[in-house]
Amino acid sequence: MTNFQKRFLSSLLLIPIALFFIIKGTYFFNFFISICLLISIYEWHLVSKYKVYKTPGIIFLLLSFYSAYYFRNEMYGDYIYFIMILFICVFTDIGGYIFGKIFKGPRLTKISPKKTYAGVIGGYLFSIIFMAIFYNYFSIDKELSINNFVLTIVISTVSQLGDIVVSYFKRKSKIKDTGKIIPGHGGLLDRIDGMIFAFPSTYLIFKIFYQ
């Protein structure tokens, strides 16, 4: 089985499970996010080769997961914004992976060798397509406004930068993946590297500009 097939099958299994816990909310979501936090902290412990990074990294993860908790449980009492941020990151990853594989081209940075300029464009394109569909079905406006278009670009950018940051620490520690818990993806941090940066960044944006 190829790595792509493993990634695809893992995603088919994990996405419905994650959505179940997210939509059910309350104790289901709290249990789910707590398990994800503990796994992330453990993987960060393995990735952060230098002790000086360990504690700040754990504090950042706590703040990141709190912001995710906030969007699910406290943001207008609904999960729509949580789903929005989550899937912008997911479709950014998908677009980056597909465009990177098809068009290849020059690398974006030596820190993450598989990341290309074509992948960056694909990440933006797929995230915008998702948001256009999202607003058509879930928004009263039924269209993607300029403000929400910019928000999509910002979240996608932060998600891609998060991927690079985690890749930097993996290279420093001379490891390929943060773990082996998800076939085809590696560790949990490999899967949510963009999300752990996107959620707190979007939290700050909402606090500053939307409230």
C-alpha atoms as a PDB file:
ATOM      1  CA  MET A   1       0.000   0.000   0.000  1.00  0.00           C
ATOM      2  CA  THR A   2       1.384   3.384  -1.021  1.00  0.00           C
ATOM      3  CA  ASN A   3       1.746   6.292   1.378  1.00  0.00           C
ATOM      4  CA  PHE A   4      -1.015   8.164  -0.473  1.00  0.00           C
ATOM      5  CA  GLN A   5      -3.397   5.234  -0.037  1.00  0.00           C
ATOM      6  CA  LYS A   6      -2.588   5.108   3.672  1.00  0.00           C
ATOM      7  CA  ARG A   7      -3.214   8.854   4.001  1.00  0.00           C
ATOM      8  CA  PHE A   8      -6.508   8.567   2.122  1.00  0.00           C
ATOM      9  CA  LEU A   9      -7.825   5.625   4.139  1.00  0.00           C
ATOM     10  CA  SER A  10      -6.725   7.203   7.418  1.00  0.00           C
ATOM     11  CA  SER A  11      -8.545  10.410   6.505  1.00  0.00           C
ATOM     12  CA  LEU A  12     -11.707   8.499   5.566  1.00  0.00           C
ATOM     13  CA  LEU A  13     -11.682   6.930   9.016  1.00  0.00           C
ATOM     14  CA  LEU A  14     -10.547   9.869  11.142  1.00  0.00           C
ATOM     15  CA  ILE A  15     -12.631  12.705   9.695  1.00  0.00           C
ATOM     16  CA  PRO A  16     -16.040  11.121  10.503  1.00  0.00           C
ATOM     17  CA  ILE A  17     -14.826  10.171  13.996  1.00  0.00           C
ATOM     18  CA  ALA A  18     -13.556  13.697  14.660  1.00  0.00           C
ATOM     19  CA  LEU A  19     -16.774  15.233  13.321  1.00  0.00           C
ATOM     20  CA  PHE A  20     -18.840  12.972  15.583  1.00  0.00           C
ATOM     21  CA  PHE A  21     -17.084  14.230  18.722  1.00  0.00           C
ATOM     22  CA  ILE A  22     -17.116  17.847  17.507  1.00  0.00           C
ATOM     23  CA  ILE A  23     -20.812  17.888  16.635  1.00  0.00           C
ATOM     24  CA  LYS A  24     -21.917  15.958  19.717  1.00  0.00           C
ATOM     25  CA  GLY A  25     -20.098  18.483  21.909  1.00  0.00           C
ATOM     26  CA  THR A  26     -20.223  18.593  25.728  1.00  0.00           C
ATOM     27  CA  TYR A  27     -18.497  15.614  27.324  1.00  0.00           C
ATOM     28  CA  PHE A  28     -17.811  13.953  23.979  1.00  0.00           C
ATOM     29  CA  PHE A  29     -15.849  16.914  22.630  1.00  0.00           C
ATOM     30  CA  ASN A  30     -14.113  17.612  25.947  1.00  0.00           C
ATOM     31  CA  PHE A  31     -12.933  14.006  26.100  1.00  0.00           C
ATOM     32  CA  PHE A  32     -11.801  14.100  22.471  1.00  0.00           C
ATOM     33  CA  ILE A  33      -9.860  17.355  22.745  1.00  0.00           C
ATOM     34  CA  SER A  34      -8.284  16.287  26.057  1.00  0.00           C
ATOM     35  CA  ILE A  35      -6.937  13.091  24.489  1.00  0.00           C
ATOM     36  CA  CYS A  36      -5.611  15.058  21.503  1.00  0.00           C
ATOM     37  CA  LEU A  37      -3.909  17.525  23.860  1.00  0.00           C
ATOM     38  CA  LEU A  38      -2.194  14.776  25.863  1.00  0.00           C
ATOM     39  CA  ILE A  39      -0.960  13.061  22.692  1.00  0.00           C
ATOM     40  CA  SER A  40       0.288  16.389  21.320  1.00  0.00           C
ATOM     41  CA  ILE A  41       2.185  17.189  24.505  1.00  0.00           C
ATOM     42  CA  TYR A  42       3.781  13.735  24.470  1.00  0.00           C
ATOM     43  CA  GLU A  43       4.815  14.090  20.820  1.00  0.00           C
ATOM     44  CA  TRP A  44       6.149  17.583  21.467  1.00  0.00           C
ATOM     45  CA  HIS A  45       8.234  16.115  24.294  1.00  0.00           C
ATOM     46  CA  LEU A  46       9.786  13.728  21.739  1.00  0.00           C
ATOM     47  CA  VAL A  47      10.241  16.421  19.073  1.00  0.00           C
ATOM     48  CA  SER A  48      11.727  19.204  21.220  1.00  0.00           C
ATOM     49  CA  LYS A  49      15.295  17.984  21.400  1.00  0.00           C
ATOM     50  CA  TYR A  50      16.463  21.022  23.374  1.00  0.00           C
ATOM     51  CA  LYS A  51      14.990  21.499  26.857  1.00  0.00           C
ATOM     52  CA  VAL A  52      14.690  25.262  26.346  1.00  0.00           C
ATOM     53  CA  TYR A  53      11.850  24.595  23.854  1.00  0.00           C
ATOM     54  CA  LYS A  54       9.895  22.056  25.916  1.00  0.00           C
ATOM     55  CA  THR A  55       8.058  24.251  28.415  1.00  0.00           C
ATOM     56  CA  PRO A  56       7.237  27.132  26.011  1.00  0.00           C
ATOM     57  CA  GLY A  57       5.969  24.541  23.517  1.00  0.00           C
ATOM     58  CA  ILE A  58       3.703  22.922  26.103  1.00  0.00           C
ATOM     59  CA  ILE A  59       2.354  26.322  27.179  1.00  0.00           C
ATOM     60  CA  PHE A  60       1.664  27.155  23.531  1.00  0.00           C
ATOM     61  CA  LEU A  61      -0.181  23.854  23.055  1.00  0.00           C
ATOM     62  CA  LEU A  62      -2.328  24.555  26.128  1.00  0.00           C
ATOM     63  CA  LEU A  63      -3.239  27.993  24.778  1.00  0.00           C
ATOM     64  CA  SER A  64      -3.861  26.577  21.318  1.00  0.00           C
ATOM     65  CA  PHE A  65      -6.183  23.853  22.555  1.00  0.00           C
ATOM     66  CA  TYR A  66      -7.982  26.349  24.781  1.00  0.00           C
ATOM     67  CA  SER A  67      -8.694  28.509  21.741  1.00  0.00           C
ATOM     68  CA  ALA A  68     -10.052  25.431  19.934  1.00  0.00           C
ATOM     69  CA  TYR A  69     -12.211  24.669  22.990  1.00  0.00           C
ATOM     70  CA  TYR A  70     -13.436  28.266  22.971  1.00  0.00           C
ATOM     71  CA  PHE A  71     -14.529  28.132  19.339  1.00  0.00           C
ATOM     72  CA  ARG A  72     -16.465  24.898  19.918  1.00  0.00           C
ATOM     73  CA  ASN A  73     -18.079  25.567  23.284  1.00  0.00           C
ATOM     74  CA  GLU A  74     -18.225  29.328  23.789  1.00  0.00           C
ATOM     75  CA  MET A  75     -18.240  31.027  20.391  1.00  0.00           C
ATOM     76  CA  TYR A  76     -21.936  31.841  20.001  1.00  0.00           C
ATOM     77  CA  GLY A  77     -22.728  28.398  21.436  1.00  0.00           C
ATOM     78  CA  ASP A  78     -22.232  26.665  18.094  1.00  0.00           C
ATOM     79  CA  TYR A  79     -19.625  24.537  16.331  1.00  0.00           C
ATOM     80  CA  ILE A  80     -19.821  26.278  12.938  1.00  0.00           C
ATOM     81  CA  TYR A  81     -16.767  28.492  13.484  1.00  0.00           C
ATOM     82  CA  PHE A  82     -14.773  25.537  14.793  1.00  0.00           C
ATOM     83  CA  ILE A  83     -15.674  23.530  11.682  1.00  0.00           C
ATOM     84  CA  MET A  84     -14.821  26.511   9.482  1.00  0.00           C
ATOM     85  CA  ILE A  85     -11.289  26.903  10.876  1.00  0.00           C
ATOM     86  CA  LEU A  86     -10.731  23.152  10.969  1.00  0.00           C
ATOM     87  CA  PHE A  87     -11.651  22.631   7.335  1.00  0.00           C
ATOM     88  CA  ILE A  88      -9.779  25.671   6.060  1.00  0.00           C
ATOM     89  CA  CYS A  89      -6.683  23.979   7.512  1.00  0.00           C
ATOM     90  CA  VAL A  90      -7.682  20.562   6.136  1.00  0.00           C
ATOM     91  CA  PHE A  91      -8.341  21.880   2.624  1.00  0.00           C
ATOM     92  CA  THR A  92      -5.146  23.935   2.764  1.00  0.00           C
ATOM     93  CA  ASP A  93      -3.275  20.685   3.428  1.00  0.00           C
ATOM     94  CA  ILE A  94      -5.160  18.828   0.692  1.00  0.00           C
ATOM     95  CA  GLY A  95      -4.594  21.571  -1.871  1.00  0.00           C
ATOM     96  CA  GLY A  96      -0.931  21.821  -0.955  1.00  0.00           C
ATOM     97  CA  TYR A  97      -0.466  18.061  -1.231  1.00  0.00           C
ATOM     98  CA  ILE A  98      -2.278  17.712  -4.574  1.00  0.00           C
ATOM     99  CA  PHE A  99      -0.703  20.747  -6.261  1.00  0.00           C
ATOM    100  CA  GLY A 100       2.714  19.826  -4.894  1.00  0.00           C
ATOM    101  CA  LYS A 101       2.427  16.329  -6.349  1.00  0.00           C
ATOM    102  CA  ILE A 102       1.064  17.435  -9.718  1.00  0.00           C
ATOM    103  CA  PHE A 103       3.041  20.596 -10.463  1.00  0.00           C
ATOM    104  CA  LYS A 104       6.107  20.071  -8.252  1.00  0.00           C
ATOM    105  CA  GLY A 105       8.308  23.086  -9.042  1.00  0.00           C
ATOM    106  CA  PRO A 106      10.748  24.978  -6.807  1.00  0.00           C
ATOM    107  CA  ARG A 107      10.776  24.349  -3.072  1.00  0.00           C
ATOM    108  CA  LEU A 108       9.424  26.989  -0.753  1.00  0.00           C
ATOM    109  CA  THR A 109      12.030  26.410   1.971  1.00  0.00           C
ATOM    110  CA  LYS A 110      14.752  23.967   2.949  1.00  0.00           C
ATOM    111  CA  ILE A 111      13.071  23.512   6.330  1.00  0.00           C
ATOM    112  CA  SER A 112      10.203  21.570   4.731  1.00  0.00           C
ATOM    113  CA  PRO A 113      11.570  20.005   1.496  1.00  0.00           C
ATOM    114  CA  LYS A 114       8.168  18.759   0.286  1.00  0.00           C
ATOM    115  CA  LYS A 115       6.599  22.217   0.473  1.00  0.00           C
ATOM    116  CA  THR A 116       6.578  23.994  -2.890  1.00  0.00           C
ATOM    117  CA  TYR A 117       5.286  27.289  -4.261  1.00  0.00           C
ATOM    118  CA  ALA A 118       2.730  25.304  -6.263  1.00  0.00           C
ATOM    119  CA  GLY A 119       1.591  23.669  -3.035  1.00  0.00           C
ATOM    120  CA  VAL A 120       1.124  27.072  -1.405  1.00  0.00           C
ATOM    121  CA  ILE A 121      -1.083  28.204  -4.296  1.00  0.00           C
ATOM    122  CA  GLY A 122      -3.030  24.943  -4.121  1.00  0.00           C
ATOM    123  CA  GLY A 123      -3.540  25.426  -0.399  1.00  0.00           C
ATOM    124  CA  TYR A 124      -4.998  28.893  -0.937  1.00  0.00           C
ATOM    125  CA  LEU A 125      -7.172  27.763  -3.843  1.00  0.00           C
ATOM    126  CA  PHE A 126      -8.692  24.777  -2.034  1.00  0.00           C
ATOM    127  CA  SER A 127      -9.335  26.753   1.149  1.00  0.00           C
ATOM    128  CA  ILE A 128     -11.111  29.500  -0.826  1.00  0.00           C
ATOM    129  CA  ILE A 129     -13.226  26.931  -2.693  1.00  0.00           C
ATOM    130  CA  PHE A 130     -14.202  25.347   0.621  1.00  0.00           C
ATOM    131  CA  MET A 131     -15.154  28.703   2.135  1.00  0.00           C
ATOM    132  CA  ALA A 132     -17.235  29.639  -0.920  1.00  0.00           C
ATOM    133  CA  ILE A 133     -19.180  26.385  -0.522  1.00  0.00           C
ATOM    134  CA  PHE A 134     -19.322  26.813   3.263  1.00  0.00           C
ATOM    135  CA  TYR A 135     -20.876  30.272   3.031  1.00  0.00           C
ATOM    136  CA  ASN A 136     -23.311  29.153   0.345  1.00  0.00           C
ATOM    137  CA  TYR A 137     -24.758  26.523   2.697  1.00  0.00           C
ATOM    138  CA  PHE A 138     -24.205  27.906   6.216  1.00  0.00           C
ATOM    139  CA  SER A 139     -24.189  31.697   5.935  1.00  0.00           C
ATOM    140  CA  ILE A 140     -27.195  33.995   5.776  1.00  0.00           C
ATOM    141  CA  ASP A 141     -25.340  36.133   3.212  1.00  0.00           C
ATOM    142  CA  LYS A 142     -24.905  33.146   0.875  1.00  0.00           C
ATOM    143  CA  GLU A 143     -21.672  34.592  -0.471  1.00  0.00           C
ATOM    144  CA  LEU A 144     -18.056  34.968   0.552  1.00  0.00           C
ATOM    145  CA  SER A 145     -17.543  38.611   1.564  1.00  0.00           C
ATOM    146  CA  ILE A 146     -14.225  40.457   1.219  1.00  0.00           C
ATOM    147  CA  ASN A 147     -13.664  40.289   4.993  1.00  0.00           C
ATOM    148  CA  ASN A 148     -14.217  36.542   5.090  1.00  0.00           C
ATOM    149  CA  PHE A 149     -12.086  36.066   1.981  1.00  0.00           C
ATOM    150  CA  VAL A 150      -9.236  37.858   3.747  1.00  0.00           C
ATOM    151  CA  LEU A 151      -9.883  35.800   6.902  1.00  0.00           C
ATOM    152  CA  THR A 152      -9.616  32.615   4.821  1.00  0.00           C
ATOM    153  CA  ILE A 153      -6.289  33.724   3.334  1.00  0.00           C
ATOM    154  CA  VAL A 154      -4.956  34.613   6.802  1.00  0.00           C
ATOM    155  CA  ILE A 155      -5.997  31.273   8.330  1.00  0.00           C
ATOM    156  CA  SER A 156      -4.567  29.351   5.367  1.00  0.00           C
ATOM    157  CA  THR A 157      -1.305  31.302   5.603  1.00  0.00           C
ATOM    158  CA  VAL A 158      -0.968  30.702   9.344  1.00  0.00           C
ATOM    159  CA  SER A 159      -1.756  27.013   8.826  1.00  0.00           C
ATOM    160  CA  GLN A 160       1.016  26.695   6.234  1.00  0.00           C
ATOM    161  CA  LEU A 161       3.466  28.582   8.440  1.00  0.00           C
ATOM    162  CA  GLY A 162       2.570  26.253  11.314  1.00  0.00           C
ATOM    163  CA  ASP A 163       3.496  23.311   9.119  1.00  0.00           C
ATOM    164  CA  ILE A 164       6.900  24.886   8.469  1.00  0.00           C
ATOM    165  CA  VAL A 165       7.498  25.668  12.159  1.00  0.00           C
ATOM    166  CA  VAL A 166       6.818  22.081  13.229  1.00  0.00           C
ATOM    167  CA  SER A 167       8.999  20.844  10.345  1.00  0.00           C
ATOM    168  CA  TYR A 168      11.794  23.074  11.650  1.00  0.00           C
ATOM    169  CA  PHE A 169      11.697  21.412  15.068  1.00  0.00           C
ATOM    170  CA  LYS A 170      11.541  17.967  13.488  1.00  0.00           C
ATOM    171  CA  ARG A 171      14.671  18.751  11.482  1.00  0.00           C
ATOM    172  CA  LYS A 172      16.393  20.059  14.607  1.00  0.00           C
ATOM    173  CA  SER A 173      15.597  16.771  16.323  1.00  0.00           C
ATOM    174  CA  LYS A 174      16.512  14.774  13.183  1.00  0.00           C
ATOM    175  CA  ILE A 175      13.199  12.942  12.980  1.00  0.00           C
ATOM    176  CA  LYS A 176      10.843  12.516  10.026  1.00  0.00           C
ATOM    177  CA  ASP A 177       7.520  12.327  11.871  1.00  0.00           C
ATOM    178  CA  THR A 178       6.310  13.319  15.327  1.00  0.00           C
ATOM    179  CA  GLY A 179       4.941   9.814  15.831  1.00  0.00           C
ATOM    180  CA  LYS A 180       3.325   6.810  14.153  1.00  0.00           C
ATOM    181  CA  ILE A 181      -0.204   6.993  15.503  1.00  0.00           C
ATOM    182  CA  ILE A 182      -1.822   7.858  12.124  1.00  0.00           C
ATOM    183  CA  PRO A 183      -0.842   5.638   9.160  1.00  0.00           C
ATOM    184  CA  GLY A 184       0.349   7.713   6.219  1.00  0.00           C
ATOM    185  CA  HIS A 185       0.449  10.901   8.281  1.00  0.00           C
ATOM    186  CA  GLY A 186       2.808  10.080  11.131  1.00  0.00           C
ATOM    187  CA  GLY A 187       2.004  11.563  14.509  1.00  0.00           C
ATOM    188  CA  LEU A 188      -0.920  13.692  15.614  1.00  0.00           C
ATOM    189  CA  LEU A 189       1.220  16.840  15.484  1.00  0.00           C
ATOM    190  CA  ASP A 190       2.049  16.016  11.867  1.00  0.00           C
ATOM    191  CA  ARG A 191      -1.672  16.149  11.152  1.00  0.00           C
ATOM    192  CA  ILE A 192      -2.633  19.204  13.220  1.00  0.00           C
ATOM    193  CA  ASP A 193       0.559  21.269  12.909  1.00  0.00           C
ATOM    194  CA  GLY A 194      -1.255  24.014  11.009  1.00  0.00           C
ATOM    195  CA  MET A 195      -4.339  23.896  13.222  1.00  0.00           C
ATOM    196  CA  ILE A 196      -2.477  24.504  16.475  1.00  0.00           C
ATOM    197  CA  PHE A 197      -1.358  27.836  15.009  1.00  0.00           C
ATOM    198  CA  ALA A 198      -4.576  28.657  13.149  1.00  0.00           C
ATOM    199  CA  PHE A 199      -6.929  28.377  16.136  1.00  0.00           C
ATOM    200  CA  PRO A 200      -5.113  30.797  18.496  1.00  0.00           C
ATOM    201  CA  SER A 201      -4.428  33.221  15.636  1.00  0.00           C
ATOM    202  CA  THR A 202      -8.096  33.255  14.628  1.00  0.00           C
ATOM    203  CA  TYR A 203      -9.064  33.595  18.291  1.00  0.00           C
ATOM    204  CA  LEU A 204      -7.004  36.812  18.489  1.00  0.00           C
ATOM    205  CA  ILE A 205      -8.492  38.088  15.225  1.00  0.00           C
ATOM    206  CA  PHE A 206     -12.039  37.544  16.488  1.00  0.00           C
ATOM    207  CA  LYS A 207     -11.259  39.155  19.832  1.00  0.00           C
ATOM    208  CA  ILE A 208      -9.704  42.234  18.219  1.00  0.00           C
ATOM    209  CA  PHE A 209     -11.852  42.787  15.131  1.00  0.00           C
ATOM    210  CA  TYR A 210     -15.155  40.959  15.617  1.00  0.00           C
ATOM    211  CA  GLN A 211     -16.075  41.756  19.231  1.00  0.00           C
END
